[in-house]
Amino acid sequence: MQGRSVARVARMLDACAEIIDDVGYDGLTTSLLAERAEVAIGSVYQFFPDKRAVVAALTRRNVEAYVARLSERMSGGDMHRWVDAVDAALDEYIEMHRHVPGFRTLHFGDVVDLNLLDPDRDNNSVIVQRLGALLVQHFGLTGDEQLSFALAMAVEMADALVKAAFRYQVEGDDKILDEAKTIVREYLDRKIAP
């Protein structure tokens, strides 16, 4: 029974992502979601009180996928310095923009609500905390105020530049994306002591 519920929720989240790609967040309705996921409307409401809750769940799933993919890359042994993780973090973010349904529109939920992931912190703060934890875990950096502030600035810069790259070209303007990596890497390399 539990396995079927998990599969049903996954289908609903997949359908939500597809709908957002097709018609945007404003066009998303619970009835359209039920139809696309091939579930009864009651099933949608069994798990989600409204469309915002569905999008929040999809966003959390995207965050978990992003962190897992990045952690796996950091564990691979190819990165010798923590700053190498900056390119990996941006590469994964860009990859999700290009290939994960709904992500280009939702990003990490800021399109819907700046506090979609956590009512007490904005979405980028959640990402900063997760990235900081990965850097501490994999590279032994000190998880202090300096790291948090530098990562917060880097996430804001990267987010703005990646969004601009995808605004100019459907698959992302490579020149802007390369410049984003350079800017963020050089900024963090100056601000964070190894």
C-alpha atoms as a PDB file:
ATOM      1  CA  MET A   1       0.000   0.000   0.000  1.00  0.00           C
ATOM      2  CA  GLN A   2       2.759   2.427   0.980  1.00  0.00           C
ATOM      3  CA  GLY A   3       4.675   1.695  -2.231  1.00  0.00           C
ATOM      4  CA  ARG A   4       1.618   2.529  -4.324  1.00  0.00           C
ATOM      5  CA  SER A   5       1.205   5.808  -2.428  1.00  0.00           C
ATOM      6  CA  VAL A   6       4.845   6.740  -3.039  1.00  0.00           C
ATOM      7  CA  ALA A   7       4.457   5.923  -6.738  1.00  0.00           C
ATOM      8  CA  ARG A   8       1.222   7.952  -6.933  1.00  0.00           C
ATOM      9  CA  VAL A   9       2.877  10.974  -5.304  1.00  0.00           C
ATOM     10  CA  ALA A  10       5.846  10.662  -7.678  1.00  0.00           C
ATOM     11  CA  ARG A  11       3.432  10.603 -10.650  1.00  0.00           C
ATOM     12  CA  MET A  12       1.712  13.711  -9.332  1.00  0.00           C
ATOM     13  CA  LEU A  13       5.023  15.530  -8.897  1.00  0.00           C
ATOM     14  CA  ASP A  14       6.131  14.499 -12.382  1.00  0.00           C
ATOM     15  CA  ALA A  15       2.805  15.714 -13.789  1.00  0.00           C
ATOM     16  CA  CYS A  16       3.167  18.980 -11.856  1.00  0.00           C
ATOM     17  CA  ALA A  17       6.594  19.564 -13.438  1.00  0.00           C
ATOM     18  CA  GLU A  18       5.244  18.877 -16.927  1.00  0.00           C
ATOM     19  CA  ILE A  19       2.278  21.200 -16.433  1.00  0.00           C
ATOM     20  CA  ILE A  20       4.523  23.985 -15.167  1.00  0.00           C
ATOM     21  CA  ASP A  21       6.671  23.606 -18.282  1.00  0.00           C
ATOM     22  CA  ASP A  22       3.536  23.719 -20.459  1.00  0.00           C
ATOM     23  CA  VAL A  23       1.427  26.455 -18.827  1.00  0.00           C
ATOM     24  CA  GLY A  24       3.418  27.904 -15.924  1.00  0.00           C
ATOM     25  CA  TYR A  25       2.550  28.025 -12.246  1.00  0.00           C
ATOM     26  CA  ASP A  26      -0.521  30.189 -12.808  1.00  0.00           C
ATOM     27  CA  GLY A  27      -1.981  27.628 -15.228  1.00  0.00           C
ATOM     28  CA  LEU A  28      -1.499  24.757 -12.795  1.00  0.00           C
ATOM     29  CA  THR A  29      -4.718  23.508 -11.167  1.00  0.00           C
ATOM     30  CA  THR A  30      -5.344  20.495  -8.990  1.00  0.00           C
ATOM     31  CA  SER A  31      -7.874  19.149 -11.496  1.00  0.00           C
ATOM     32  CA  LEU A  32      -5.376  19.469 -14.359  1.00  0.00           C
ATOM     33  CA  LEU A  33      -2.796  17.786 -12.146  1.00  0.00           C
ATOM     34  CA  ALA A  34      -5.157  14.880 -11.386  1.00  0.00           C
ATOM     35  CA  GLU A  35      -5.939  14.472 -15.074  1.00  0.00           C
ATOM     36  CA  ARG A  36      -2.290  14.555 -16.166  1.00  0.00           C
ATOM     37  CA  ALA A  37      -1.182  12.191 -13.368  1.00  0.00           C
ATOM     38  CA  GLU A  38      -4.129   9.886 -14.103  1.00  0.00           C
ATOM     39  CA  VAL A  39      -5.330   9.923 -10.497  1.00  0.00           C
ATOM     40  CA  ALA A  40      -8.624  10.863  -8.913  1.00  0.00           C
ATOM     41  CA  ILE A  41      -8.884  14.446  -7.647  1.00  0.00           C
ATOM     42  CA  GLY A  42      -9.375  12.956  -4.180  1.00  0.00           C
ATOM     43  CA  SER A  43      -5.904  11.429  -4.429  1.00  0.00           C
ATOM     44  CA  VAL A  44      -4.418  14.851  -5.046  1.00  0.00           C
ATOM     45  CA  TYR A  45      -6.152  16.243  -1.944  1.00  0.00           C
ATOM     46  CA  GLN A  46      -5.192  13.173   0.073  1.00  0.00           C
ATOM     47  CA  PHE A  47      -1.559  14.250  -0.194  1.00  0.00           C
ATOM     48  CA  PHE A  48      -1.685  17.979  -0.989  1.00  0.00           C
ATOM     49  CA  PRO A  49      -4.108  20.635   0.281  1.00  0.00           C
ATOM     50  CA  ASP A  50      -3.540  22.908  -2.736  1.00  0.00           C
ATOM     51  CA  LYS A  51      -1.313  23.515  -5.748  1.00  0.00           C
ATOM     52  CA  ARG A  52       1.230  25.437  -3.670  1.00  0.00           C
ATOM     53  CA  ALA A  53       1.796  22.327  -1.539  1.00  0.00           C
ATOM     54  CA  VAL A  54       2.369  20.227  -4.662  1.00  0.00           C
ATOM     55  CA  VAL A  55       4.901  22.744  -5.970  1.00  0.00           C
ATOM     56  CA  ALA A  56       6.609  22.862  -2.558  1.00  0.00           C
ATOM     57  CA  ALA A  57       6.967  19.070  -2.629  1.00  0.00           C
ATOM     58  CA  LEU A  58       8.335  19.206  -6.176  1.00  0.00           C
ATOM     59  CA  THR A  59      10.798  21.904  -5.131  1.00  0.00           C
ATOM     60  CA  ARG A  60      11.967  19.860  -2.123  1.00  0.00           C
ATOM     61  CA  ARG A  61      12.457  16.867  -4.428  1.00  0.00           C
ATOM     62  CA  ASN A  62      14.555  19.051  -6.748  1.00  0.00           C
ATOM     63  CA  VAL A  63      16.672  20.328  -3.848  1.00  0.00           C
ATOM     64  CA  GLU A  64      17.297  16.778  -2.638  1.00  0.00           C
ATOM     65  CA  ALA A  65      18.242  15.659  -6.160  1.00  0.00           C
ATOM     66  CA  TYR A  66      20.578  18.638  -6.562  1.00  0.00           C
ATOM     67  CA  VAL A  67      22.319  18.045  -3.228  1.00  0.00           C
ATOM     68  CA  ALA A  68      22.612  14.292  -3.871  1.00  0.00           C
ATOM     69  CA  ARG A  69      24.106  14.799  -7.334  1.00  0.00           C
ATOM     70  CA  LEU A  70      26.544  17.396  -6.049  1.00  0.00           C
ATOM     71  CA  SER A  71      27.547  15.281  -3.050  1.00  0.00           C
ATOM     72  CA  GLU A  72      28.180  12.320  -5.338  1.00  0.00           C
ATOM     73  CA  ARG A  73      30.451  14.431  -7.521  1.00  0.00           C
ATOM     74  CA  MET A  74      32.322  15.719  -4.470  1.00  0.00           C
ATOM     75  CA  SER A  75      32.781  12.159  -3.200  1.00  0.00           C
ATOM     76  CA  GLY A  76      34.179  11.015  -6.551  1.00  0.00           C
ATOM     77  CA  GLY A  77      37.706  12.137  -5.728  1.00  0.00           C
ATOM     78  CA  ASP A  78      38.129  14.333  -8.810  1.00  0.00           C
ATOM     79  CA  MET A  79      38.066  17.551  -6.780  1.00  0.00           C
ATOM     80  CA  HIS A  80      41.307  18.388  -5.054  1.00  0.00           C
ATOM     81  CA  ARG A  81      40.369  21.832  -3.722  1.00  0.00           C
ATOM     82  CA  TRP A  82      37.056  23.030  -2.364  1.00  0.00           C
ATOM     83  CA  VAL A  83      36.871  25.708  -5.053  1.00  0.00           C
ATOM     84  CA  ASP A  84      36.592  22.904  -7.643  1.00  0.00           C
ATOM     85  CA  ALA A  85      33.168  22.243  -6.148  1.00  0.00           C
ATOM     86  CA  VAL A  86      32.020  25.672  -7.348  1.00  0.00           C
ATOM     87  CA  ASP A  87      32.077  24.578 -10.987  1.00  0.00           C
ATOM     88  CA  ALA A  88      30.341  21.326 -10.042  1.00  0.00           C
ATOM     89  CA  ALA A  89      27.621  23.215  -8.166  1.00  0.00           C
ATOM     90  CA  LEU A  90      26.992  25.476 -11.147  1.00  0.00           C
ATOM     91  CA  ASP A  91      27.202  22.581 -13.611  1.00  0.00           C
ATOM     92  CA  GLU A  92      24.501  20.685 -11.705  1.00  0.00           C
ATOM     93  CA  TYR A  93      22.306  23.788 -11.472  1.00  0.00           C
ATOM     94  CA  ILE A  94      22.675  24.379 -15.223  1.00  0.00           C
ATOM     95  CA  GLU A  95      22.028  20.702 -15.961  1.00  0.00           C
ATOM     96  CA  MET A  96      18.795  20.859 -13.965  1.00  0.00           C
ATOM     97  CA  HIS A  97      17.732  23.967 -15.913  1.00  0.00           C
ATOM     98  CA  ARG A  98      18.297  22.094 -19.145  1.00  0.00           C
ATOM     99  CA  HIS A  99      16.899  18.657 -18.323  1.00  0.00           C
ATOM    100  CA  VAL A 100      14.698  18.533 -15.217  1.00  0.00           C
ATOM    101  CA  PRO A 101      11.050  19.198 -16.078  1.00  0.00           C
ATOM    102  CA  GLY A 102       9.649  22.265 -14.344  1.00  0.00           C
ATOM    103  CA  PHE A 103      12.989  23.392 -12.950  1.00  0.00           C
ATOM    104  CA  ARG A 104      13.608  26.192 -15.438  1.00  0.00           C
ATOM    105  CA  THR A 105      10.363  27.805 -14.282  1.00  0.00           C
ATOM    106  CA  LEU A 106      10.484  26.981 -10.576  1.00  0.00           C
ATOM    107  CA  HIS A 107      14.224  26.999  -9.858  1.00  0.00           C
ATOM    108  CA  PHE A 108      14.252  26.335  -6.116  1.00  0.00           C
ATOM    109  CA  GLY A 109      10.736  27.706  -5.612  1.00  0.00           C
ATOM    110  CA  ASP A 110      11.359  31.439  -5.713  1.00  0.00           C
ATOM    111  CA  VAL A 111       8.845  31.928  -8.524  1.00  0.00           C
ATOM    112  CA  VAL A 112       6.046  30.784  -6.216  1.00  0.00           C
ATOM    113  CA  ASP A 113       7.225  32.025  -2.831  1.00  0.00           C
ATOM    114  CA  LEU A 114      10.615  33.145  -1.531  1.00  0.00           C
ATOM    115  CA  ASN A 115       9.929  31.041   1.571  1.00  0.00           C
ATOM    116  CA  LEU A 116       8.562  27.956  -0.154  1.00  0.00           C
ATOM    117  CA  LEU A 117      11.162  25.572   1.297  1.00  0.00           C
ATOM    118  CA  ASP A 118      11.148  26.939   4.852  1.00  0.00           C
ATOM    119  CA  PRO A 119       8.748  29.504   6.350  1.00  0.00           C
ATOM    120  CA  ASP A 120      11.566  31.007   8.451  1.00  0.00           C
ATOM    121  CA  ARG A 121      14.247  31.321   5.747  1.00  0.00           C
ATOM    122  CA  ASP A 122      14.218  32.310   2.109  1.00  0.00           C
ATOM    123  CA  ASN A 123      14.845  29.590  -0.449  1.00  0.00           C
ATOM    124  CA  ASN A 124      18.381  30.731  -1.249  1.00  0.00           C
ATOM    125  CA  SER A 125      19.263  30.578   2.459  1.00  0.00           C
ATOM    126  CA  VAL A 126      18.209  26.928   2.460  1.00  0.00           C
ATOM    127  CA  ILE A 127      20.453  26.289  -0.548  1.00  0.00           C
ATOM    128  CA  VAL A 128      23.342  28.161   1.112  1.00  0.00           C
ATOM    129  CA  GLN A 129      22.995  26.029   4.248  1.00  0.00           C
ATOM    130  CA  ARG A 130      22.969  22.805   2.208  1.00  0.00           C
ATOM    131  CA  LEU A 131      25.968  23.881   0.088  1.00  0.00           C
ATOM    132  CA  GLY A 132      27.878  24.950   3.189  1.00  0.00           C
ATOM    133  CA  ALA A 133      27.235  21.586   4.821  1.00  0.00           C
ATOM    134  CA  LEU A 134      28.616  19.817   1.735  1.00  0.00           C
ATOM    135  CA  LEU A 135      31.762  21.960   1.728  1.00  0.00           C
ATOM    136  CA  VAL A 136      32.309  21.327   5.435  1.00  0.00           C
ATOM    137  CA  GLN A 137      31.728  17.587   5.005  1.00  0.00           C
ATOM    138  CA  HIS A 138      33.826  17.024   1.898  1.00  0.00           C
ATOM    139  CA  PHE A 139      36.580  19.621   2.250  1.00  0.00           C
ATOM    140  CA  GLY A 140      36.808  20.326   5.970  1.00  0.00           C
ATOM    141  CA  LEU A 141      35.936  24.009   5.708  1.00  0.00           C
ATOM    142  CA  THR A 142      34.820  25.762   8.867  1.00  0.00           C
ATOM    143  CA  GLY A 143      31.054  26.247   8.861  1.00  0.00           C
ATOM    144  CA  ASP A 144      31.148  29.788  10.200  1.00  0.00           C
ATOM    145  CA  GLU A 145      29.550  33.164   9.472  1.00  0.00           C
ATOM    146  CA  GLN A 146      32.215  33.997   6.885  1.00  0.00           C
ATOM    147  CA  LEU A 147      31.424  30.847   4.882  1.00  0.00           C
ATOM    148  CA  SER A 148      27.674  31.456   5.104  1.00  0.00           C
ATOM    149  CA  PHE A 149      27.941  35.080   3.996  1.00  0.00           C
ATOM    150  CA  ALA A 150      30.286  34.307   1.099  1.00  0.00           C
ATOM    151  CA  LEU A 151      28.078  31.459  -0.080  1.00  0.00           C
ATOM    152  CA  ALA A 152      24.981  33.660   0.200  1.00  0.00           C
ATOM    153  CA  MET A 153      26.572  36.267  -2.063  1.00  0.00           C
ATOM    154  CA  ALA A 154      27.802  33.582  -4.478  1.00  0.00           C
ATOM    155  CA  VAL A 155      24.360  31.946  -4.696  1.00  0.00           C
ATOM    156  CA  GLU A 156      22.701  35.301  -5.410  1.00  0.00           C
ATOM    157  CA  MET A 157      25.243  36.104  -8.143  1.00  0.00           C
ATOM    158  CA  ALA A 158      25.079  32.656  -9.700  1.00  0.00           C
ATOM    159  CA  ASP A 159      21.290  32.579  -9.589  1.00  0.00           C
ATOM    160  CA  ALA A 160      20.984  35.942 -11.348  1.00  0.00           C
ATOM    161  CA  LEU A 161      23.554  35.091 -14.018  1.00  0.00           C
ATOM    162  CA  VAL A 162      22.138  31.631 -14.754  1.00  0.00           C
ATOM    163  CA  LYS A 163      18.627  33.065 -15.069  1.00  0.00           C
ATOM    164  CA  ALA A 164      19.973  35.689 -17.493  1.00  0.00           C
ATOM    165  CA  ALA A 165      21.738  33.009 -19.556  1.00  0.00           C
ATOM    166  CA  PHE A 166      18.484  31.080 -19.932  1.00  0.00           C
ATOM    167  CA  ARG A 167      16.538  34.223 -20.697  1.00  0.00           C
ATOM    168  CA  TYR A 168      18.834  34.967 -23.654  1.00  0.00           C
ATOM    169  CA  GLN A 169      19.001  31.419 -25.021  1.00  0.00           C
ATOM    170  CA  VAL A 170      16.699  28.462 -24.466  1.00  0.00           C
ATOM    171  CA  GLU A 171      19.562  26.115 -23.577  1.00  0.00           C
ATOM    172  CA  GLY A 172      21.499  28.815 -21.744  1.00  0.00           C
ATOM    173  CA  ASP A 173      24.014  31.232 -23.222  1.00  0.00           C
ATOM    174  CA  ASP A 174      27.357  29.431 -22.745  1.00  0.00           C
ATOM    175  CA  LYS A 175      29.297  32.690 -22.691  1.00  0.00           C
ATOM    176  CA  ILE A 176      27.228  33.977 -19.745  1.00  0.00           C
ATOM    177  CA  LEU A 177      27.365  30.597 -17.996  1.00  0.00           C
ATOM    178  CA  ASP A 178      31.170  30.431 -18.327  1.00  0.00           C
ATOM    179  CA  GLU A 179      31.440  33.991 -17.032  1.00  0.00           C
ATOM    180  CA  ALA A 180      29.190  33.098 -14.086  1.00  0.00           C
ATOM    181  CA  LYS A 181      31.534  30.257 -13.133  1.00  0.00           C
ATOM    182  CA  THR A 182      34.567  32.524 -13.344  1.00  0.00           C
ATOM    183  CA  ILE A 183      32.972  35.316 -11.300  1.00  0.00           C
ATOM    184  CA  VAL A 184      31.662  33.023  -8.575  1.00  0.00           C
ATOM    185  CA  ARG A 185      34.843  30.937  -8.347  1.00  0.00           C
ATOM    186  CA  GLU A 186      37.102  33.999  -8.118  1.00  0.00           C
ATOM    187  CA  TYR A 187      34.838  35.651  -5.556  1.00  0.00           C
ATOM    188  CA  LEU A 188      34.715  32.571  -3.316  1.00  0.00           C
ATOM    189  CA  ASP A 189      38.427  31.881  -3.685  1.00  0.00           C
ATOM    190  CA  ARG A 190      39.111  35.382  -2.286  1.00  0.00           C
ATOM    191  CA  LYS A 191      36.511  35.207   0.491  1.00  0.00           C
ATOM    192  CA  ILE A 192      36.874  31.724   1.923  1.00  0.00           C
ATOM    193  CA  ALA A 193      40.048  30.601   3.604  1.00  0.00           C
ATOM    194  CA  PRO A 194      40.842  26.903   3.075  1.00  0.00           C
END
